[in-house]
Amino acid sequence: MSTDEAHLELAELEHASAFDDVADIDATARRATEAAREGSVRAGAVAVLRRGLRESPDLRRSLRLTVVFALVGAIGRLTIPILVQQVINGGLLADEGFRPVFTFGVCGIAAAVIVSVMLLARVTYLRLITSSEAMIRDLRVRTFSHVHRLTMAEHESSRRGELTARVTSDIETIARFTQWGAVAWIVDGVVLVGTLAVMSIYAWQLAVVTVVIALPLIPLYRFMQRRQLLAYGRVRDRVSSTLTEVSEAVQGAAPIRAYGLQRRARVRLGRAIDRQYESEVAASRWFALLLPLGDAFGALTITSVVFLGVWFGESWGLNAGTLLACVFLAQLLLGPIQELGEILDQTQTAIAGWAKVHDVLDRPVELIEPSAGRPLSEGPLAVGVEHVDFRYRTGPPVLHDVTIDIPAGAAVAVVGETGSGKTTFAKLLVRLADPVSGSITLGGVPLTMVDAASRRSRVRLVPQEGFMFDTTLGANLALGRIGATESEVRAAVHQLDLEEWIDGLPRGLDTEVGERGDSLSVGERQLVALIRAQLADPGLLVLDEATSAVDPRTEHRLGHALRRLAEGRTTVSVAHRLSTAEHADLVLVFDAGRLVEHGSHTDLVAAGGRYAELYRSWLGNTGQESS
């Protein structure tokens, strides 16, 4: 992922969440769901494949020549039984006796054909792998990019393992199909048709017998194909659930151990693995039927060709060479027939995976960036909020008719009980989502009309714990502004008076922070978020209580850095502790999604309203007394 992409997604990564498992639906609802899904499967499987290939132009272009190579190779395989027939009838058992020159000449041709087919198959496979990997790379990048363009509401309504599975395991199933199964359908089809055609020339009766034996396979394969595709759809769902549980168990290792939740974590993970196991086994039962069917067909076909060829050979005009060629042709049929089960299994898995990926790609991108956006002015930004309503995709309204004007350069504290809507209000200011109704302006420019690059540089969200990548501290700090140099990073550190902290680390800016910044404390990760914001030099700074859950010394350092950071900027702080509100120019009080009060700390306490209640409660909890 590029530095620019990482910068764009820092805030979104912080707020992506996973949800607990939901209970299984009852048997009646499950049957109704399965019936509906089966109906869509019948109509949609081919459409899914067509769309997948249509949206992969590089693979399509490469497939054309690859298919030509494969077809030439398939035809080459068909020439071997013909050459065998020629060697026997025209060389070994010729009317004039053994013809060594002819025999060895035809054998040489057969050897050349075999070697050529082998080399052509290698070239075909290499081309197929190259084009397939390029297609998978593009599809994975496109899906990943689309996931990060989805709204905050979409992320919070999706399980993290689900989106991870789409970009990883589901796309891997497509890779396995495009690397072999897609071309195998064509090649094996040519071999089947060509084999029957050549057999018809030698003995049409044996060709008819072969077709009659194969006819029952068609409805059987069609029946299993439908059931198998449904089964693999369930497998992909279970894989998503397992990935979610694994992600939570790994990332939550510390609290799991601290609270003694190992048994609970094992039970949840075990249940998810068991469900995936059951769905995998159920899907494999259909595949387990395909191989025996192919073997049975092959054995019955060869037995019938040999028996009928010997029994009726003279009356059908068959000689030794022709009969042996027909046996070779029947043997040649075994490969495609035996592969058919594996190809069908691979195709079903790929269709299920492709359908899941398409489901993600079809989710609408609701935050449309303007094609010719307007830049934000330099300096602190005024904020205008008019009649804003917001709700997540599923659930009740979160904000109701919020209207407020925030002067440029003001220090604003947003307070309220948990679930009051204050954090959602802050997210709307940085456009992690758009209001359902109403409007927001920054510096007089409607937020939806602001140029995306300008918004990202002039508006910055500092979460409680900034997301960090597994690299050096300096590289993580540089993400605050695209293209920032080490000297600019050091300047930002100096402006916040944080040189002592940096110098106290083992390797300074070259210190490795570990995965998600695990080698740093919570407070140190919050310091990183502040330095990133200083480096970005925003006109609007949105803080989600960036001094929470730290020790007194770090809190002092954070508080000093925050004061330096807020100088000359508009700041909106989501205040979980009302000490932040005491020093604010303007306090916004949210209650049940409504802005119920706003004003200075002193005025609101004197008014004796909702803020005064919150403040008295906070004083009591902290053991302080009001003056």
Foldseek 3Di string as FASTA:
>chain_A
DDLVVCLLCQVLVVLQAADDDDDDDDPVVVVVVLVVVLVCCVVPLVVLVVVLCVVQVLLVVLVVVLLVLLQLLLVLLLCLLVLLLCLVDVACVDPVHHDVVSNVVSVVVNVVSVVSSVVSVVVSLVSQLVSLVVSLVVLLVVLVVLVSLAFSLVSHVDGPLLSVLLSPVLSVLLSVCSSPLVSLVVSLVSLVVSLLVVLCVLFVVLSVVLVVLCVVVVVVCVVLLSVLLSLLLQLSVLSSQLSSLVVCCVVVVVVCVVVVVVVVSCVSNVVSVVSNVVSVVVSVVSLVVQQVVLVVSLVVSLVVLVVCCVVCVVVRVHDPSSSVSNSVSSVSNSVSSNCVSVSSSSSSNNSSSSVSSVVSVPPDSPLDADPDADAADDFAKKKWWAQFWADRPDDDTQAGGETDIGDGLFEEEEEEDPSLNRVVVLCVVLPSDDTPDTFMDINNHTPSRHHPVNSSLAEDEQEQFTFAAQFFQLSLLCSLDPPDDSVLLVVLCVLLPNQVVQVPDPVRRRHGQGHRSVNDDSLVRLVSSLSSLSSSNHQEYEYAPNLPDDDPVSSVSVVSSVVSSSPRHYYYYHDPACVSLQPGQKYFYGGSNYRPDMGHPVVVCVVPDPVVVVVVVNCVVVVHDDD
